[in-house]
Amino acid sequence: MAIETTTRPGVRQDASPDTSRLSTRDKLVLIVLCAAQFMVALDFSVLNVALPRLGADLGMSPSALQWAVTAFALPSGGFLLLFGRVGDLYGRRGLFLTGLALFGAASLLATLAWDPATFLTGRALQGLGAAAIVPSGMSLLTTTFPEGPARERALGISGTLLSLGFTTGMVAGGVLTEALGWRSTMALLTVFALLVLPLAPGLLPKSLPRGREDGGGASAQDRPRLDVPGAVTVTAGLLSLIYGLSTAADHGFGRADVIATTAAGLVLLAAFTLVESRTATPLVSLSMLRRRTVAWGNLGGLVTFSMMSTVVFALTLYLQEILRLSAFETGLVFGLQGVLSAFAGTRAARVIGRFGARRTLVGSLAGQGALVASLLLLDDGAWSVWLAAGAVSLASMCHLGAIVSYGVTVTSGVPDAEQGLATGLVTSTQQVGITVGIPLLGVLATTSRDLLSGVHTVLALDAALTLVAAAAIGLGLRRGRPEV
């Protein structure tokens, strides 16, 4: 029988300091899970700098190079919700190991690719492996570490490595490509997978499929089944939406395929909600989506990822096109961002423990928005590089606080049997957020007659949307009865 509590969302019941201590085995489990998450985050950015050399080597035209990114983004975002639920129903540990093995094999294929088709196949299989690793790894983390200080600390470390993975990829991609060629970026991912895969089976806890938590007493008829219509509509919807938005980032919203796929994605996602409201075993329980912590928490994640990725894009244009910094000097500016983000990640759990996840999420978004607003002072003077470096680094600290606190908010109070779904929502929000920001706002900078005024327009809208979202989330999480 369910027991109702009167605990406010995001504030833990047990404040005992001992609950935050991790055993040696817990630390090893955390290292394995975070190493896999870091590897996937690295893959999002490590290839970007290498694209021109990749194209010249494999004979890919500039327009075709978009697919080096899109081929990974489509399956890695499109299959997240499906694989999160598959892990809940059939076992997270097995799904995690399968995804890790697939990711390693696909990285090796991309490293050895002899033509564009082989390379893009490797990238697509990498994305499919990532879609299995991320939600199963996150749900293994949230079910291994109990709700409270231990989970907050684990999510803080995971969020730190996620942020570091993106930043490290930008720097490492340039260094490796310059020294060893573009294939070394894919070889790095292969090495990562080979290091993590042998350690994972002996350390990760076994997760029995739903209906067999008692050791196998439930019959096949009693166990929940996968909602196939829901899986088809949500996966196809996410694939269409991500393709449309990622293509718009390079070619704008005027292309016929962008309009068609974006519209199809929205229609399929609407159909998905209709399917879920009528099936007995939904892929995504609508009651979960109606949870205030899930709905408002995921909105916070969507905003912080989409708006921060837009800031990085706009500042990259500003630093290289207006201030004329080299790619290496630009990397150094964002390197400071990575260092301060890592520091913020080590402190996020303490901040959440003191103020609660809701206040931390709202305060982090407000801080991110205010610091982005300070970037409106940028001009074409050399001094502006210091403002850019300082403001984006401090904004990234707030961004990291928002990442950790929205993960805590969304997964708090969710039963272990649905943690894969909850973390699938968290990671889907992350992927869509990274994808949607640049097409919606970043394109204003590239299409403006004056690049500096275009960058200012992007930053102003970015700051305004972040601050409005912070206020809305603060009100939304305070309204109504306490959660069950």
Protein backbone atom coordinates (compact mmCIF):
# COMPACT_ATOMS: atom_id res chain seq x y z
CA MET A 1 0.00 0.00 0.00
CA ALA A 2 1.35 3.44 -0.92
CA ILE A 3 2.21 5.68 1.99
CA GLU A 4 1.79 9.39 1.64
CA THR A 5 4.37 11.77 2.97
CA THR A 6 4.26 15.46 3.60
CA THR A 7 7.85 16.10 2.65
CA ARG A 8 8.33 19.05 0.32
CA PRO A 9 9.71 18.16 -3.12
CA GLY A 10 13.49 18.31 -3.24
CA VAL A 11 13.99 18.31 0.55
CA ARG A 12 15.16 15.02 2.01
CA GLN A 13 13.72 13.46 5.12
CA ASP A 14 16.91 11.97 6.56
CA ALA A 15 19.55 14.60 7.19
CA SER A 16 21.94 12.23 8.93
CA PRO A 17 25.49 13.10 7.90
CA ASP A 18 26.47 9.41 7.81
CA THR A 19 24.18 8.72 4.83
CA SER A 20 26.47 10.65 2.51
CA ARG A 21 29.44 8.31 3.11
CA LEU A 22 30.23 5.94 0.26
CA SER A 23 31.80 2.53 0.72
CA THR A 24 34.78 1.45 -1.38
CA ARG A 25 32.53 -0.65 -3.60
CA ASP A 26 30.10 2.25 -4.00
CA LYS A 27 32.99 4.43 -5.14
CA LEU A 28 34.10 1.83 -7.68
CA VAL A 29 30.54 1.50 -9.02
CA LEU A 30 30.36 5.28 -9.29
CA ILE A 31 33.68 5.39 -11.16
CA VAL A 32 32.47 2.84 -13.72
CA LEU A 33 29.12 4.56 -14.29
CA CYS A 34 30.62 8.06 -14.46
CA ALA A 35 33.43 6.92 -16.77
CA ALA A 36 30.81 5.63 -19.21
CA GLN A 37 28.83 8.88 -19.00
CA PHE A 38 32.05 10.89 -19.50
CA MET A 39 32.86 8.80 -22.58
CA VAL A 40 29.46 9.53 -24.14
CA ALA A 41 29.73 13.26 -23.32
CA LEU A 42 33.19 13.29 -24.90
CA ASP A 43 31.73 11.86 -28.09
CA PHE A 44 29.38 14.82 -28.46
CA SER A 45 32.23 17.30 -28.96
CA VAL A 46 35.53 15.51 -29.66
CA LEU A 47 34.92 15.21 -33.41
CA ASN A 48 33.81 18.81 -34.10
CA VAL A 49 37.27 20.29 -34.64
CA ALA A 50 38.32 17.29 -36.75
CA LEU A 51 35.48 17.57 -39.30
CA PRO A 52 37.43 19.43 -42.05
CA ARG A 53 40.25 16.83 -42.03
CA LEU A 54 37.73 14.02 -41.83
CA GLY A 55 35.95 15.34 -44.91
CA ALA A 56 39.16 15.70 -46.89
CA ASP A 57 40.31 12.19 -45.97
CA LEU A 58 37.05 10.34 -46.70
CA GLY A 59 35.91 12.54 -49.58
CA MET A 60 32.87 14.03 -47.80
CA SER A 61 31.51 17.36 -49.03
CA PRO A 62 31.00 20.21 -46.51
CA SER A 63 27.23 19.65 -46.62
CA ALA A 64 27.67 15.92 -45.99
CA LEU A 65 29.82 16.57 -42.91
CA GLN A 66 26.64 17.51 -41.02
CA TRP A 67 25.83 13.80 -41.00
CA ALA A 68 28.97 13.05 -38.98
CA VAL A 69 27.16 14.79 -36.12
CA THR A 70 23.55 14.00 -37.02
CA ALA A 71 24.19 10.26 -37.47
CA PHE A 72 25.18 10.13 -33.80
CA ALA A 73 22.56 12.58 -32.50
CA LEU A 74 19.55 10.83 -34.08
CA PRO A 75 19.77 7.41 -32.35
CA SER A 76 21.38 8.76 -29.17
CA GLY A 77 18.39 11.04 -28.59
CA GLY A 78 15.64 9.14 -30.35
CA PHE A 79 15.99 5.86 -28.43
CA LEU A 80 16.60 7.23 -24.91
CA LEU A 81 13.04 6.89 -23.61
CA LEU A 82 12.58 3.47 -25.19
CA PHE A 83 15.82 2.08 -23.77
CA GLY A 84 15.11 3.61 -20.37
CA ARG A 85 11.88 1.63 -20.24
CA VAL A 86 13.50 -1.51 -21.65
CA GLY A 87 15.98 -1.36 -18.76
CA ASP A 88 13.11 -1.11 -16.26
CA LEU A 89 11.33 -4.12 -17.73
CA TYR A 90 14.17 -6.45 -18.71
CA GLY A 91 17.19 -5.45 -16.61
CA ARG A 92 19.38 -2.32 -16.54
CA ARG A 93 22.73 -4.03 -15.98
CA GLY A 94 22.42 -6.16 -19.11
CA LEU A 95 21.31 -3.17 -21.18
CA PHE A 96 24.23 -1.08 -19.88
CA LEU A 97 26.78 -3.79 -20.74
CA THR A 98 25.24 -4.34 -24.19
CA GLY A 99 25.33 -0.61 -24.91
CA LEU A 100 28.93 -0.36 -23.73
CA ALA A 101 30.04 -3.26 -25.95
CA LEU A 102 28.17 -1.81 -28.94
CA PHE A 103 29.66 1.65 -28.36
CA GLY A 104 33.20 0.23 -28.23
CA ALA A 105 32.76 -1.85 -31.39
CA ALA A 106 31.17 1.09 -33.23
CA SER A 107 34.02 3.41 -32.19
CA LEU A 108 36.51 0.92 -33.59
CA LEU A 109 34.54 0.74 -36.85
CA ALA A 110 34.55 4.56 -37.09
CA THR A 111 38.30 4.61 -36.37
CA LEU A 112 39.03 2.18 -39.22
CA ALA A 113 36.42 3.59 -41.63
CA TRP A 114 37.50 3.42 -45.28
CA ASP A 115 34.61 5.37 -46.82
CA PRO A 116 31.80 7.73 -45.73
CA ALA A 117 29.19 4.97 -45.49
CA THR A 118 31.33 2.92 -43.10
CA PHE A 119 32.11 5.94 -40.96
CA LEU A 120 28.48 7.07 -40.72
CA THR A 121 27.42 3.49 -39.86
CA GLY A 122 29.91 3.54 -37.00
CA ARG A 123 28.61 6.91 -35.81
CA ALA A 124 24.99 5.71 -35.90
CA LEU A 125 25.89 2.57 -33.92
CA GLN A 126 27.79 4.75 -31.44
CA GLY A 127 24.60 6.76 -30.96
CA LEU A 128 22.56 3.59 -30.45
CA GLY A 129 25.06 2.37 -27.86
CA ALA A 130 24.96 5.75 -26.12
CA ALA A 131 21.15 5.60 -26.02
CA ALA A 132 21.45 2.33 -24.07
CA ILE A 133 24.31 3.47 -21.80
CA VAL A 134 22.94 6.81 -20.63
CA PRO A 135 19.48 5.93 -19.20
CA SER A 136 20.54 2.51 -17.88
CA GLY A 137 23.68 4.00 -16.31
CA MET A 138 21.72 6.83 -14.71
CA SER A 139 19.05 4.48 -13.37
CA LEU A 140 21.73 2.14 -11.98
CA LEU A 141 23.17 5.19 -10.23
CA THR A 142 19.86 6.36 -8.76
CA THR A 143 18.90 2.86 -7.59
CA THR A 144 22.36 2.07 -6.20
CA PHE A 145 22.56 5.28 -4.17
CA PRO A 146 19.50 5.91 -1.96
CA GLU A 147 17.55 9.14 -2.16
CA GLY A 148 19.20 11.79 -0.01
CA PRO A 149 22.81 12.90 0.49
CA ALA A 150 24.39 9.82 -1.14
CA ARG A 151 22.38 10.24 -4.37
CA GLU A 152 22.94 13.99 -4.40
CA ARG A 153 26.68 13.46 -4.09
CA ALA A 154 26.68 10.80 -6.82
CA LEU A 155 24.64 12.99 -9.18
CA GLY A 156 26.97 15.90 -8.45
CA ILE A 157 30.00 13.86 -9.51
CA SER A 158 28.13 12.52 -12.56
CA GLY A 159 27.07 16.03 -13.60
CA THR A 160 30.61 17.31 -13.17
CA LEU A 161 32.04 14.63 -15.44
CA LEU A 162 29.25 15.24 -17.96
CA SER A 163 30.22 18.91 -18.16
CA LEU A 164 33.93 18.06 -18.23
CA GLY A 165 33.31 15.57 -21.03
CA PHE A 166 31.92 18.27 -23.31
CA THR A 167 34.72 20.71 -22.47
CA THR A 168 37.48 18.10 -22.64
CA GLY A 169 36.18 16.96 -26.01
CA MET A 170 36.53 20.46 -27.46
CA VAL A 171 40.16 20.73 -26.29
CA ALA A 172 41.23 17.10 -26.82
CA GLY A 173 39.70 17.00 -30.30
CA GLY A 174 41.94 19.85 -31.47
CA VAL A 175 45.09 18.46 -29.85
CA LEU A 176 44.59 14.90 -31.12
CA THR A 177 43.64 15.96 -34.63
CA GLU A 178 46.67 18.22 -34.90
CA ALA A 179 49.08 15.58 -33.57
CA LEU A 180 47.67 12.25 -34.80
CA GLY A 181 44.82 12.95 -37.24
CA TRP A 182 41.05 12.69 -36.99
CA ARG A 183 41.01 8.91 -36.47
CA SER A 184 42.64 9.37 -33.07
CA THR A 185 39.45 11.04 -31.77
CA MET A 186 37.47 7.86 -32.46
CA ALA A 187 40.32 5.67 -31.20
CA LEU A 188 40.18 7.53 -27.86
CA LEU A 189 36.56 6.45 -27.43
CA THR A 190 37.48 2.85 -28.31
CA VAL A 191 40.14 2.86 -25.57
CA PHE A 192 37.65 4.27 -23.06
CA ALA A 193 35.16 1.50 -23.81
CA LEU A 194 37.85 -1.18 -23.55
CA LEU A 195 38.90 0.14 -20.14
CA VAL A 196 35.38 0.30 -18.67
CA LEU A 197 33.82 -2.85 -20.14
CA PRO A 198 35.95 -5.46 -18.29
CA LEU A 199 35.35 -3.75 -14.93
CA ALA A 200 31.60 -3.30 -15.20
CA PRO A 201 30.25 -6.90 -14.89
CA GLY A 202 31.91 -7.59 -11.55
CA LEU A 203 31.00 -4.25 -9.98
CA LEU A 204 27.54 -3.28 -11.17
CA PRO A 205 24.61 -4.58 -9.12
CA LYS A 206 22.29 -7.05 -10.80
CA SER A 207 18.93 -5.51 -11.64
CA LEU A 208 16.13 -8.04 -12.05
CA PRO A 209 13.40 -7.26 -14.57
CA ARG A 210 10.14 -5.95 -13.20
CA GLY A 211 7.98 -8.76 -11.94
CA ARG A 212 11.03 -10.85 -10.90
CA GLU A 213 12.26 -8.75 -7.97
CA ASP A 214 11.28 -11.65 -5.73
CA GLY A 215 13.66 -14.02 -7.52
CA GLY A 216 11.52 -15.16 -10.40
CA GLY A 217 8.16 -16.06 -8.88
CA ALA A 218 6.07 -13.97 -11.25
CA SER A 219 4.84 -15.59 -14.46
CA ALA A 220 5.42 -14.14 -17.89
CA GLN A 221 1.75 -13.15 -18.04
CA ASP A 222 2.06 -11.15 -14.81
CA ARG A 223 5.11 -9.16 -15.87
CA PRO A 224 4.52 -5.80 -17.61
CA ARG A 225 5.00 -5.84 -21.36
CA LEU A 226 6.63 -3.26 -23.55
CA ASP A 227 4.16 -0.76 -25.00
CA VAL A 228 5.01 -1.23 -28.69
CA PRO A 229 2.68 1.48 -30.16
CA GLY A 230 4.01 3.96 -27.60
CA ALA A 231 7.60 2.93 -28.31
CA VAL A 232 7.12 3.37 -32.07
CA THR A 233 5.44 6.78 -31.86
CA VAL A 234 7.78 8.34 -29.29
CA THR A 235 10.94 7.01 -30.96
CA ALA A 236 9.84 8.07 -34.43
CA GLY A 237 8.71 11.43 -33.04
CA LEU A 238 12.03 12.10 -31.31
CA LEU A 239 14.01 10.96 -34.37
CA SER A 240 12.01 13.30 -36.63
CA LEU A 241 12.22 16.25 -34.24
CA ILE A 242 15.96 15.87 -33.61
CA TYR A 243 16.68 15.52 -37.33
CA GLY A 244 14.64 18.63 -38.14
CA LEU A 245 16.24 20.76 -35.42
CA SER A 246 19.81 19.59 -36.00
CA THR A 247 19.48 20.18 -39.76
CA ALA A 248 17.99 23.62 -39.12
CA ALA A 249 21.10 24.51 -37.12
CA ASP A 250 23.14 24.30 -40.35
CA HIS A 251 20.63 25.17 -43.06
CA GLY A 252 17.84 27.17 -41.39
CA PHE A 253 14.13 26.43 -41.05
CA GLY A 254 13.25 27.19 -44.67
CA ARG A 255 14.20 23.79 -46.14
CA ALA A 256 11.36 21.44 -47.01
CA ASP A 257 12.86 18.47 -45.16
CA VAL A 258 13.31 20.56 -42.00
CA ILE A 259 9.69 21.71 -42.05
CA ALA A 260 8.36 18.23 -42.84
CA THR A 261 10.37 16.33 -40.23
CA THR A 262 9.84 18.91 -37.48
CA ALA A 263 6.08 18.89 -38.12
CA ALA A 264 6.05 15.07 -38.28
CA GLY A 265 7.93 14.90 -34.99
CA LEU A 266 5.39 17.13 -33.24
CA VAL A 267 2.46 15.14 -34.68
CA LEU A 268 4.00 11.81 -33.63
CA LEU A 269 4.67 13.06 -30.10
CA ALA A 270 1.06 14.24 -29.89
CA ALA A 271 -0.04 10.79 -31.10
CA PHE A 272 2.21 9.26 -28.43
CA THR A 273 0.36 11.08 -25.64
CA LEU A 274 -2.95 9.83 -27.07
CA VAL A 275 -1.63 6.24 -27.21
CA GLU A 276 -0.36 6.44 -23.64
CA SER A 277 -3.71 7.65 -22.34
CA ARG A 278 -5.48 4.57 -23.74
CA THR A 279 -3.09 1.68 -23.06
CA ALA A 280 -3.08 -0.47 -19.94
CA THR A 281 0.74 -0.68 -19.79
CA PRO A 282 2.03 2.68 -21.04
CA LEU A 283 5.66 3.26 -21.96
CA VAL A 284 5.43 6.59 -20.09
CA SER A 285 2.82 6.82 -17.40
CA LEU A 286 0.94 10.09 -17.84
CA SER A 287 0.58 10.21 -14.07
CA MET A 288 4.37 10.50 -13.89
CA LEU A 289 4.39 13.34 -16.39
CA ARG A 290 1.77 15.09 -14.25
CA ARG A 291 4.06 15.01 -11.23
CA ARG A 292 5.07 18.59 -10.54
CA THR A 293 8.63 17.54 -9.76
CA VAL A 294 8.92 15.65 -13.07
CA ALA A 295 7.27 18.31 -15.24
CA TRP A 296 8.90 21.41 -13.76
CA GLY A 297 12.23 19.66 -13.14
CA ASN A 298 12.50 18.59 -16.77
CA LEU A 299 11.58 22.10 -17.89
CA GLY A 300 14.51 23.34 -15.84
CA GLY A 301 16.80 20.81 -17.52
CA LEU A 302 15.53 21.74 -20.98
CA VAL A 303 16.13 25.44 -20.34
CA THR A 304 19.59 25.13 -18.78
CA PHE A 305 20.91 22.84 -21.54
CA SER A 306 19.36 24.68 -24.50
CA MET A 307 20.28 28.15 -23.28
CA MET A 308 23.84 27.25 -22.24
CA SER A 309 24.59 25.48 -25.53
CA THR A 310 23.36 28.62 -27.33
CA VAL A 311 25.68 30.83 -25.25
CA VAL A 312 28.69 28.63 -26.10
CA PHE A 313 27.77 28.75 -29.80
CA ALA A 314 27.32 32.55 -29.81
CA LEU A 315 30.55 33.14 -27.88
CA THR A 316 32.50 30.84 -30.20
CA LEU A 317 31.41 33.02 -33.13
CA TYR A 318 32.15 36.19 -31.17
CA LEU A 319 35.64 35.15 -30.05
CA GLN A 320 36.78 33.88 -33.44
CA GLU A 321 34.97 36.21 -35.86
CA ILE A 322 34.99 39.50 -33.94
CA LEU A 323 37.96 39.27 -31.56
CA ARG A 324 39.91 37.09 -34.07
CA LEU A 325 41.06 34.53 -31.52
CA SER A 326 42.49 31.28 -32.82
CA ALA A 327 40.75 27.94 -32.22
CA PHE A 328 43.38 27.12 -29.58
CA GLU A 329 42.87 30.46 -27.76
CA THR A 330 39.09 29.94 -27.89
CA GLY A 331 39.60 26.51 -26.37
CA LEU A 332 41.54 28.09 -23.50
CA VAL A 333 38.64 30.45 -22.77
CA PHE A 334 36.27 27.50 -22.51
CA GLY A 335 38.89 25.52 -20.59
CA LEU A 336 38.45 27.88 -17.62
CA GLN A 337 34.72 27.16 -17.89
CA GLY A 338 35.41 23.44 -17.48
CA VAL A 339 37.59 23.94 -14.39
CA LEU A 340 35.00 26.04 -12.57
CA SER A 341 32.21 23.66 -13.61
CA ALA A 342 34.15 20.80 -12.02
CA PHE A 343 34.47 22.82 -8.82
CA ALA A 344 30.72 23.54 -8.85
CA GLY A 345 29.97 19.85 -9.27
CA THR A 346 31.92 18.96 -6.13
CA ARG A 347 29.85 21.47 -4.14
CA ALA A 348 26.42 20.89 -5.70
CA ALA A 349 25.38 18.13 -3.29
CA ARG A 350 26.19 20.33 -0.27
CA VAL A 351 24.20 23.22 -1.70
CA ILE A 352 21.21 20.94 -2.37
CA GLY A 353 21.54 19.45 1.11
CA ARG A 354 21.35 22.91 2.65
CA PHE A 355 18.76 24.65 0.47
CA GLY A 356 16.84 21.78 -1.19
CA ALA A 357 16.73 20.83 -4.86
CA ARG A 358 13.94 23.29 -5.76
CA ARG A 359 15.71 26.36 -4.44
CA THR A 360 19.01 25.23 -5.93
CA LEU A 361 17.41 24.71 -9.35
CA VAL A 362 15.66 28.08 -9.33
CA GLY A 363 18.68 29.93 -7.96
CA SER A 364 21.03 28.27 -10.46
CA LEU A 365 18.82 29.20 -13.41
CA ALA A 366 18.49 32.78 -12.14
CA GLY A 367 22.27 33.03 -11.74
CA GLN A 368 22.85 31.60 -15.22
CA GLY A 369 20.42 34.10 -16.74
CA ALA A 370 21.90 37.08 -14.90
CA LEU A 371 25.47 36.21 -15.91
CA VAL A 372 24.45 35.73 -19.54
CA ALA A 373 22.81 39.17 -19.38
CA SER A 374 26.18 40.66 -18.31
CA LEU A 375 27.61 39.50 -21.65
CA LEU A 376 25.54 42.22 -23.35
CA LEU A 377 28.44 44.55 -22.41
CA LEU A 378 30.71 42.78 -24.91
CA ASP A 379 32.11 44.92 -27.72
CA ASP A 380 34.98 44.63 -30.21
CA GLY A 381 37.62 45.68 -27.68
CA ALA A 382 40.35 43.28 -26.55
CA TRP A 383 39.26 43.66 -22.90
CA SER A 384 36.03 41.85 -23.71
CA VAL A 385 37.79 38.47 -23.75
CA TRP A 386 38.17 38.72 -19.97
CA LEU A 387 34.47 39.51 -19.52
CA ALA A 388 33.55 36.63 -21.82
CA ALA A 389 35.82 34.17 -20.00
CA GLY A 390 34.71 35.22 -16.52
CA ALA A 391 30.97 35.48 -17.17
CA VAL A 392 30.63 32.23 -19.13
CA SER A 393 32.69 30.36 -16.53
CA LEU A 394 30.55 31.61 -13.63
CA ALA A 395 27.40 30.95 -15.67
CA SER A 396 28.66 27.40 -16.21
CA MET A 397 28.95 26.94 -12.45
CA CYS A 398 25.28 27.87 -12.17
CA HIS A 399 24.54 25.61 -15.14
CA LEU A 400 26.18 22.68 -13.34
CA GLY A 401 24.10 23.40 -10.23
CA ALA A 402 20.97 23.34 -12.38
CA ILE A 403 22.00 20.03 -14.01
CA VAL A 404 22.44 18.27 -10.67
CA SER A 405 19.39 19.78 -8.98
CA TYR A 406 17.03 19.04 -11.87
CA GLY A 407 18.22 15.41 -11.85
CA VAL A 408 17.56 15.20 -8.11
CA THR A 409 14.17 16.91 -8.51
CA VAL A 410 12.95 14.59 -11.28
CA THR A 411 14.10 11.31 -9.68
CA SER A 412 13.10 12.10 -6.09
CA GLY A 413 10.15 10.05 -4.87
CA VAL A 414 10.05 7.86 -8.01
CA PRO A 415 9.86 4.10 -7.25
CA ASP A 416 12.92 2.04 -8.19
CA ALA A 417 10.83 0.13 -10.74
CA GLU A 418 10.35 3.37 -12.72
CA GLN A 419 13.81 4.91 -12.29
CA GLY A 420 14.79 3.91 -15.84
CA LEU A 421 11.82 5.84 -17.16
CA ALA A 422 12.57 8.84 -14.94
CA THR A 423 16.23 8.94 -15.94
CA GLY A 424 15.22 8.36 -19.56
CA LEU A 425 13.15 11.54 -19.31
CA VAL A 426 16.10 13.34 -17.71
CA THR A 427 18.51 12.33 -20.46
CA SER A 428 15.97 12.91 -23.25
CA THR A 429 15.49 16.43 -21.93
CA GLN A 430 19.27 16.86 -21.97
CA GLN A 431 19.59 15.66 -25.58
CA VAL A 432 16.65 17.71 -26.88
CA GLY A 433 17.92 20.75 -24.96
CA ILE A 434 21.37 20.51 -26.53
CA THR A 435 19.75 20.10 -29.95
CA VAL A 436 17.05 22.76 -29.81
CA GLY A 437 18.86 25.83 -28.48
CA ILE A 438 21.17 26.64 -31.39
CA PRO A 439 18.51 26.29 -34.17
CA LEU A 440 16.00 28.43 -32.27
CA LEU A 441 18.31 31.25 -31.12
CA GLY A 442 21.81 30.73 -32.53
CA VAL A 443 20.63 31.18 -36.10
CA LEU A 444 19.84 34.84 -35.27
CA ALA A 445 23.57 35.52 -34.90
CA THR A 446 24.54 33.95 -38.23
CA THR A 447 21.75 35.60 -40.23
CA SER A 448 22.19 39.12 -38.82
CA ARG A 449 23.87 41.72 -41.04
CA ASP A 450 26.03 42.84 -38.12
CA LEU A 451 27.46 39.84 -36.26
CA LEU A 452 28.02 41.72 -32.99
CA SER A 453 24.41 42.95 -32.86
CA GLY A 454 23.26 39.44 -33.77
CA VAL A 455 25.26 37.99 -30.86
CA HIS A 456 23.75 40.62 -28.54
CA THR A 457 20.25 39.68 -29.70
CA VAL A 458 20.89 36.00 -29.04
CA LEU A 459 22.33 36.68 -25.57
CA ALA A 460 19.46 39.01 -24.62
CA LEU A 461 16.80 36.47 -25.59
CA ASP A 462 18.79 33.69 -23.92
CA ALA A 463 19.03 35.59 -20.63
CA ALA A 464 15.36 36.63 -20.71
CA LEU A 465 14.10 33.08 -21.37
CA THR A 466 16.30 31.65 -18.60
CA LEU A 467 15.13 34.22 -16.04
CA VAL A 468 11.46 33.78 -16.97
CA ALA A 469 11.82 30.00 -16.70
CA ALA A 470 13.46 30.33 -13.27
CA ALA A 471 10.50 32.37 -12.00
CA ALA A 472 7.93 29.98 -13.52
CA ILE A 473 9.64 26.88 -12.09
CA GLY A 474 9.89 28.50 -8.66
CA LEU A 475 6.14 29.14 -8.66
CA GLY A 476 5.27 25.79 -10.22
CA LEU A 477 7.12 23.73 -7.63
CA ARG A 478 5.58 25.66 -4.74
CA ARG A 479 2.00 25.34 -5.94
CA GLY A 480 -0.41 22.60 -4.83
CA ARG A 481 -0.28 19.68 -2.40
CA PRO A 482 2.91 17.86 -1.47
CA GLU A 483 3.85 14.97 -3.73
CA VAL A 484 3.14 11.35 -2.86
